[in-house]
Amino acid sequence: MLTLGDRIRLDARERKVLAGLAGSDPSRIRTRAQLERFVVAHLARYPGRSPEERLLRRMLESFLRPLERA
């Protein structure tokens, strides 16, 4: 993921992973706020009751970590 100020650019692998986890196309995500909204909206689908849901939540949350450091 490339970041410049509030702008972000997901690479092809990241777009593919997000699409697989969320089931929707993340190609229109261009800002940090858009990525945060996308991830938070899809986290609601995985309450974390089963081991699979917890893994999916951690994978989605991993996309927010680079934003915290920048």
PDB file of N, CA and C in Angstrom:
ATOM      1  N   MET A   1       0.852  -1.166   0.000  1.00  0.00           N
ATOM      2  CA  MET A   1       0.000   0.000   0.000  1.00  0.00           C
ATOM      3  C   MET A   1       0.901   1.234   0.000  1.00  0.00           C
ATOM      4  N   LEU A   2       0.651   2.093  -0.931  1.00  0.00           N
ATOM      5  CA  LEU A   2       1.367   3.361  -0.997  1.00  0.00           C
ATOM      6  C   LEU A   2       0.503   4.442  -0.367  1.00  0.00           C
ATOM      7  N   THR A   3       1.114   5.283   0.448  1.00  0.00           N
ATOM      8  CA  THR A   3       0.370   6.377   1.065  1.00  0.00           C
ATOM      9  C   THR A   3       1.082   7.697   0.810  1.00  0.00           C
ATOM     10  N   LEU A   4       0.308   8.727   0.633  1.00  0.00           N
ATOM     11  CA  LEU A   4       0.821  10.083   0.482  1.00  0.00           C
ATOM     12  C   LEU A   4      -0.218  11.014   1.084  1.00  0.00           C
ATOM     13  N   GLY A   5       0.073  11.467   2.288  1.00  0.00           N
ATOM     14  CA  GLY A   5      -0.917  12.279   2.991  1.00  0.00           C
ATOM     15  C   GLY A   5      -2.155  11.449   3.277  1.00  0.00           C
ATOM     16  N   ASP A   6      -3.297  11.928   2.834  1.00  0.00           N
ATOM     17  CA  ASP A   6      -4.558  11.218   3.042  1.00  0.00           C
ATOM     18  C   ASP A   6      -4.851  10.231   1.913  1.00  0.00           C
ATOM     19  N   ARG A   7      -4.080  10.279   0.862  1.00  0.00           N
ATOM     20  CA  ARG A   7      -4.308   9.419  -0.310  1.00  0.00           C
ATOM     21  C   ARG A   7      -3.618   8.073  -0.115  1.00  0.00           C
ATOM     22  N   ILE A   8      -4.247   7.015  -0.626  1.00  0.00           N
ATOM     23  CA  ILE A   8      -3.637   5.687  -0.602  1.00  0.00           C
ATOM     24  C   ILE A   8      -3.784   5.046  -1.968  1.00  0.00           C
ATOM     25  N   ARG A   9      -2.942   4.056  -2.199  1.00  0.00           N
ATOM     26  CA  ARG A   9      -3.056   3.264  -3.419  1.00  0.00           C
ATOM     27  C   ARG A   9      -2.796   1.814  -3.051  1.00  0.00           C
ATOM     28  N   LEU A  10      -3.808   0.985  -3.254  1.00  0.00           N
ATOM     29  CA  LEU A  10      -3.680  -0.443  -2.993  1.00  0.00           C
ATOM     30  C   LEU A  10      -3.055  -1.098  -4.212  1.00  0.00           C
ATOM     31  N   ASP A  11      -2.146  -2.050  -3.955  1.00  0.00           N
ATOM     32  CA  ASP A  11      -1.590  -2.769  -5.102  1.00  0.00           C
ATOM     33  C   ASP A  11      -2.551  -3.889  -5.501  1.00  0.00           C
ATOM     34  N   ALA A  12      -2.237  -4.575  -6.577  1.00  0.00           N
ATOM     35  CA  ALA A  12      -3.140  -5.598  -7.124  1.00  0.00           C
ATOM     36  C   ALA A  12      -3.397  -6.715  -6.121  1.00  0.00           C
ATOM     37  N   ARG A  13      -2.357  -7.142  -5.399  1.00  0.00           N
ATOM     38  CA  ARG A  13      -2.526  -8.218  -4.417  1.00  0.00           C
ATOM     39  C   ARG A  13      -3.457  -7.771  -3.296  1.00  0.00           C
ATOM     40  N   GLU A  14      -3.281  -6.560  -2.802  1.00  0.00           N
ATOM     41  CA  GLU A  14      -4.129  -6.052  -1.725  1.00  0.00           C
ATOM     42  C   GLU A  14      -5.582  -5.926  -2.172  1.00  0.00           C
ATOM     43  N   ARG A  15      -5.800  -5.453  -3.386  1.00  0.00           N
ATOM     44  CA  ARG A  15      -7.175  -5.371  -3.910  1.00  0.00           C
ATOM     45  C   ARG A  15      -7.795  -6.759  -4.000  1.00  0.00           C
ATOM     46  N   LYS A  16      -7.014  -7.743  -4.445  1.00  0.00           N
ATOM     47  CA  LYS A  16      -7.518  -9.113  -4.578  1.00  0.00           C
ATOM     48  C   LYS A  16      -7.866  -9.696  -3.208  1.00  0.00           C
ATOM     49  N   VAL A  17      -6.994  -9.486  -2.225  1.00  0.00           N
ATOM     50  CA  VAL A  17      -7.250  -9.997  -0.873  1.00  0.00           C
ATOM     51  C   VAL A  17      -8.490  -9.338  -0.280  1.00  0.00           C
ATOM     52  N   LEU A  18      -8.580  -8.019  -0.378  1.00  0.00           N
ATOM     53  CA  LEU A  18      -9.755  -7.318   0.155  1.00  0.00           C
ATOM     54  C   LEU A  18     -11.038  -7.769  -0.528  1.00  0.00           C
ATOM     55  N   ALA A  19     -10.991  -7.941  -1.832  1.00  0.00           N
ATOM     56  CA  ALA A  19     -12.179  -8.399  -2.563  1.00  0.00           C
ATOM     57  C   ALA A  19     -12.585  -9.789  -2.092  1.00  0.00           C
ATOM     58  N   GLY A  20     -11.612 -10.656  -1.861  1.00  0.00           N
ATOM     59  CA  GLY A  20     -11.912 -12.006  -1.384  1.00  0.00           C
ATOM     60  C   GLY A  20     -12.490 -12.014   0.017  1.00  0.00           C
ATOM     61  N   LEU A  21     -11.961 -11.168   0.893  1.00  0.00           N
ATOM     62  CA  LEU A  21     -12.443 -11.109   2.272  1.00  0.00           C
ATOM     63  C   LEU A  21     -13.803 -10.445   2.379  1.00  0.00           C
ATOM     64  N   ALA A  22     -13.994  -9.390   1.613  1.00  0.00           N
ATOM     65  CA  ALA A  22     -15.205  -8.584   1.747  1.00  0.00           C
ATOM     66  C   ALA A  22     -16.301  -8.972   0.767  1.00  0.00           C
ATOM     67  N   GLY A  23     -15.924  -9.579  -0.339  1.00  0.00           N
ATOM     68  CA  GLY A  23     -16.918  -9.940  -1.334  1.00  0.00           C
ATOM     69  C   GLY A  23     -17.384  -8.766  -2.172  1.00  0.00           C
ATOM     70  N   SER A  24     -16.663  -7.661  -2.100  1.00  0.00           N
ATOM     71  CA  SER A  24     -16.994  -6.505  -2.940  1.00  0.00           C
ATOM     72  C   SER A  24     -15.701  -5.869  -3.442  1.00  0.00           C
ATOM     73  N   ASP A  25     -15.835  -5.110  -4.500  1.00  0.00           N
ATOM     74  CA  ASP A  25     -14.681  -4.550  -5.199  1.00  0.00           C
ATOM     75  C   ASP A  25     -14.125  -3.316  -4.481  1.00  0.00           C
ATOM     76  N   PRO A  26     -12.852  -3.359  -4.052  1.00  0.00           N
ATOM     77  CA  PRO A  26     -12.255  -2.214  -3.371  1.00  0.00           C
ATOM     78  C   PRO A  26     -11.515  -1.257  -4.310  1.00  0.00           C
ATOM     79  N   SER A  27     -11.709  -1.387  -5.618  1.00  0.00           N
ATOM     80  CA  SER A  27     -10.906  -0.615  -6.571  1.00  0.00           C
ATOM     81  C   SER A  27     -11.159   0.892  -6.509  1.00  0.00           C
ATOM     82  N   ARG A  28     -12.265   1.325  -5.948  1.00  0.00           N
ATOM     83  CA  ARG A  28     -12.559   2.766  -5.875  1.00  0.00           C
ATOM     84  C   ARG A  28     -12.001   3.422  -4.613  1.00  0.00           C
ATOM     85  N   ILE A  29     -11.346   2.652  -3.772  1.00  0.00           N
ATOM     86  CA  ILE A  29     -10.783   3.207  -2.542  1.00  0.00           C
ATOM     87  C   ILE A  29      -9.557   4.041  -2.899  1.00  0.00           C
ATOM     88  N   ARG A  30      -9.601   5.324  -2.546  1.00  0.00           N
ATOM     89  CA  ARG A  30      -8.501   6.242  -2.870  1.00  0.00           C
ATOM     90  C   ARG A  30      -7.969   7.011  -1.656  1.00  0.00           C
ATOM     91  N   THR A  31      -8.734   7.014  -0.539  1.00  0.00           N
ATOM     92  CA  THR A  31      -8.301   7.767   0.641  1.00  0.00           C
ATOM     93  C   THR A  31      -8.316   6.869   1.869  1.00  0.00           C
ATOM     94  N   ARG A  32      -7.637   7.337   2.915  1.00  0.00           N
ATOM     95  CA  ARG A  32      -7.613   6.594   4.184  1.00  0.00           C
ATOM     96  C   ARG A  32      -9.031   6.423   4.731  1.00  0.00           C
ATOM     97  N   ALA A  33      -9.814   7.482   4.666  1.00  0.00           N
ATOM     98  CA  ALA A  33     -11.181   7.433   5.194  1.00  0.00           C
ATOM     99  C   ALA A  33     -12.019   6.406   4.444  1.00  0.00           C
ATOM    100  N   GLN A  34     -11.870   6.331   3.133  1.00  0.00           N
ATOM    101  CA  GLN A  34     -12.615   5.335   2.354  1.00  0.00           C
ATOM    102  C   GLN A  34     -12.209   3.919   2.752  1.00  0.00           C
ATOM    103  N   LEU A  35     -10.909   3.691   2.948  1.00  0.00           N
ATOM    104  CA  LEU A  35     -10.445   2.362   3.353  1.00  0.00           C
ATOM    105  C   LEU A  35     -10.971   2.017   4.738  1.00  0.00           C
ATOM    106  N   GLU A  36     -10.916   2.957   5.664  1.00  0.00           N
ATOM    107  CA  GLU A  36     -11.427   2.712   7.013  1.00  0.00           C
ATOM    108  C   GLU A  36     -12.915   2.383   6.984  1.00  0.00           C
ATOM    109  N   ARG A  37     -13.702   3.147   6.228  1.00  0.00           N
ATOM    110  CA  ARG A  37     -15.150   2.871   6.127  1.00  0.00           C
ATOM    111  C   ARG A  37     -15.395   1.492   5.521  1.00  0.00           C
ATOM    112  N   PHE A  38     -14.646   1.147   4.489  1.00  0.00           N
ATOM    113  CA  PHE A  38     -14.792  -0.144   3.819  1.00  0.00           C
ATOM    114  C   PHE A  38     -14.527  -1.286   4.803  1.00  0.00           C
ATOM    115  N   VAL A  39     -13.412  -1.202   5.528  1.00  0.00           N
ATOM    116  CA  VAL A  39     -13.045  -2.270   6.466  1.00  0.00           C
ATOM    117  C   VAL A  39     -14.046  -2.352   7.609  1.00  0.00           C
ATOM    118  N   VAL A  40     -14.397  -1.228   8.211  1.00  0.00           N
ATOM    119  CA  VAL A  40     -15.333  -1.228   9.345  1.00  0.00           C
ATOM    120  C   VAL A  40     -16.690  -1.784   8.921  1.00  0.00           C
ATOM    121  N   ALA A  41     -17.157  -1.413   7.742  1.00  0.00           N
ATOM    122  CA  ALA A  41     -18.450  -1.919   7.257  1.00  0.00           C
ATOM    123  C   ALA A  41     -18.422  -3.433   7.098  1.00  0.00           C
ATOM    124  N   HIS A  42     -17.305  -3.964   6.650  1.00  0.00           N
ATOM    125  CA  HIS A  42     -17.228  -5.405   6.444  1.00  0.00           C
ATOM    126  C   HIS A  42     -16.880  -6.167   7.719  1.00  0.00           C
ATOM    127  N   LEU A  43     -16.278  -5.498   8.700  1.00  0.00           N
ATOM    128  CA  LEU A  43     -16.029  -6.147   9.987  1.00  0.00           C
ATOM    129  C   LEU A  43     -17.338  -6.513  10.672  1.00  0.00           C
ATOM    130  N   ALA A  44     -18.373  -5.739  10.438  1.00  0.00           N
ATOM    131  CA  ALA A  44     -19.676  -6.014  11.047  1.00  0.00           C
ATOM    132  C   ALA A  44     -20.227  -7.366  10.606  1.00  0.00           C
ATOM    133  N   ARG A  45     -19.778  -7.848   9.459  1.00  0.00           N
ATOM    134  CA  ARG A  45     -20.248  -9.148   8.961  1.00  0.00           C
ATOM    135  C   ARG A  45     -19.630 -10.317   9.712  1.00  0.00           C
ATOM    136  N   TYR A  46     -18.528 -10.068  10.433  1.00  0.00           N
ATOM    137  CA  TYR A  46     -17.816 -11.136  11.135  1.00  0.00           C
ATOM    138  C   TYR A  46     -17.771 -10.826  12.628  1.00  0.00           C
ATOM    139  N   PRO A  47     -18.770 -11.291  13.393  1.00  0.00           N
ATOM    140  CA  PRO A  47     -18.802 -10.972  14.820  1.00  0.00           C
ATOM    141  C   PRO A  47     -17.681 -11.625  15.629  1.00  0.00           C
ATOM    142  N   GLY A  48     -16.959 -12.579  15.070  1.00  0.00           N
ATOM    143  CA  GLY A  48     -15.828 -13.177  15.770  1.00  0.00           C
ATOM    144  C   GLY A  48     -16.193 -14.327  16.683  1.00  0.00           C
ATOM    145  N   ARG A  49     -17.279 -14.982  16.389  1.00  0.00           N
ATOM    146  CA  ARG A  49     -17.708 -16.098  17.241  1.00  0.00           C
ATOM    147  C   ARG A  49     -16.951 -17.383  16.943  1.00  0.00           C
ATOM    148  N   SER A  50     -16.624 -17.605  15.692  1.00  0.00           N
ATOM    149  CA  SER A  50     -15.921 -18.837  15.320  1.00  0.00           C
ATOM    150  C   SER A  50     -14.459 -18.512  15.021  1.00  0.00           C
ATOM    151  N   PRO A  51     -13.594 -19.523  15.023  1.00  0.00           N
ATOM    152  CA  PRO A  51     -12.185 -19.276  14.686  1.00  0.00           C
ATOM    153  C   PRO A  51     -12.019 -18.663  13.294  1.00  0.00           C
ATOM    154  N   GLU A  52     -12.859 -19.083  12.354  1.00  0.00           N
ATOM    155  CA  GLU A  52     -12.775 -18.533  10.997  1.00  0.00           C
ATOM    156  C   GLU A  52     -13.129 -17.048  10.979  1.00  0.00           C
ATOM    157  N   GLU A  53     -14.171 -16.676  11.726  1.00  0.00           N
ATOM    158  CA  GLU A  53     -14.568 -15.266  11.785  1.00  0.00           C
ATOM    159  C   GLU A  53     -13.489 -14.422  12.447  1.00  0.00           C
ATOM    160  N   ARG A  54     -12.863 -14.954  13.499  1.00  0.00           N
ATOM    161  CA  ARG A  54     -11.786 -14.204  14.157  1.00  0.00           C
ATOM    162  C   ARG A  54     -10.616 -13.995  13.205  1.00  0.00           C
ATOM    163  N   LEU A  55     -10.292 -15.014  12.417  1.00  0.00           N
ATOM    164  CA  LEU A  55      -9.212 -14.889  11.438  1.00  0.00           C
ATOM    165  C   LEU A  55      -9.554 -13.845  10.375  1.00  0.00           C
ATOM    166  N   LEU A  56     -10.781 -13.887   9.868  1.00  0.00           N
ATOM    167  CA  LEU A  56     -11.202 -12.905   8.869  1.00  0.00           C
ATOM    168  C   LEU A  56     -11.156 -11.488   9.432  1.00  0.00           C
ATOM    169  N   ARG A  57     -11.583 -11.325  10.678  1.00  0.00           N
ATOM    170  CA  ARG A  57     -11.525  -9.999  11.311  1.00  0.00           C
ATOM    171  C   ARG A  57     -10.082  -9.506  11.401  1.00  0.00           C
ATOM    172  N   ARG A  58      -9.169 -10.390  11.845  1.00  0.00           N
ATOM    173  CA  ARG A  58      -7.762  -9.985  11.965  1.00  0.00           C
ATOM    174  C   ARG A  58      -7.173  -9.619  10.615  1.00  0.00           C
ATOM    175  N   MET A  59      -7.548 -10.359   9.582  1.00  0.00           N
ATOM    176  CA  MET A  59      -7.027 -10.058   8.249  1.00  0.00           C
ATOM    177  C   MET A  59      -7.542  -8.705   7.760  1.00  0.00           C
ATOM    178  N   LEU A  60      -8.820  -8.423   7.966  1.00  0.00           N
ATOM    179  CA  LEU A  60      -9.365  -7.122   7.568  1.00  0.00           C
ATOM    180  C   LEU A  60      -8.721  -5.992   8.377  1.00  0.00           C
ATOM    181  N   GLU A  61      -8.571  -6.214   9.683  1.00  0.00           N
ATOM    182  CA  GLU A  61      -7.973  -5.189  10.533  1.00  0.00           C
ATOM    183  C   GLU A  61      -6.525  -4.914  10.150  1.00  0.00           C
ATOM    184  N   SER A  62      -5.846  -5.904   9.573  1.00  0.00           N
ATOM    185  CA  SER A  62      -4.444  -5.708   9.191  1.00  0.00           C
ATOM    186  C   SER A  62      -4.300  -4.612   8.139  1.00  0.00           C
ATOM    187  N   PHE A  63      -5.343  -4.330   7.385  1.00  0.00           N
ATOM    188  CA  PHE A  63      -5.276  -3.262   6.390  1.00  0.00           C
ATOM    189  C   PHE A  63      -5.291  -1.880   7.044  1.00  0.00           C
ATOM    190  N   LEU A  64      -5.737  -1.796   8.292  1.00  0.00           N
ATOM    191  CA  LEU A  64      -5.773  -0.505   8.975  1.00  0.00           C
ATOM    192  C   LEU A  64      -4.454  -0.193   9.679  1.00  0.00           C
ATOM    193  N   ARG A  65      -3.642  -1.206   9.970  1.00  0.00           N
ATOM    194  CA  ARG A  65      -2.386  -0.977  10.698  1.00  0.00           C
ATOM    195  C   ARG A  65      -1.429  -0.027   9.989  1.00  0.00           C
ATOM    196  N   PRO A  66      -1.196  -0.149   8.691  1.00  0.00           N
ATOM    197  CA  PRO A  66      -0.286   0.809   8.044  1.00  0.00           C
ATOM    198  C   PRO A  66      -0.789   2.252   8.142  1.00  0.00           C
ATOM    199  N   LEU A  67      -2.086   2.433   8.234  1.00  0.00           N
ATOM    200  CA  LEU A  67      -2.642   3.781   8.341  1.00  0.00           C
ATOM    201  C   LEU A  67      -2.351   4.391   9.706  1.00  0.00           C
ATOM    202  N   GLU A  68      -2.271   3.547  10.743  1.00  0.00           N
ATOM    203  CA  GLU A  68      -2.003   4.039  12.087  1.00  0.00           C
ATOM    204  C   GLU A  68      -0.570   4.542  12.206  1.00  0.00           C
ATOM    205  N   ARG A  69       0.355   3.905  11.492  1.00  0.00           N
ATOM    206  CA  ARG A  69       1.769   4.277  11.575  1.00  0.00           C
ATOM    207  C   ARG A  69       2.090   5.533  10.785  1.00  0.00           C
ATOM    208  N   ALA A  70       1.326   5.790   9.743  1.00  0.00           N
ATOM    209  CA  ALA A  70       1.649   6.926   8.856  1.00  0.00           C
ATOM    210  C   ALA A  70       1.222   8.250   9.445  1.00  0.00           C
TER     211      ALA A  70
END
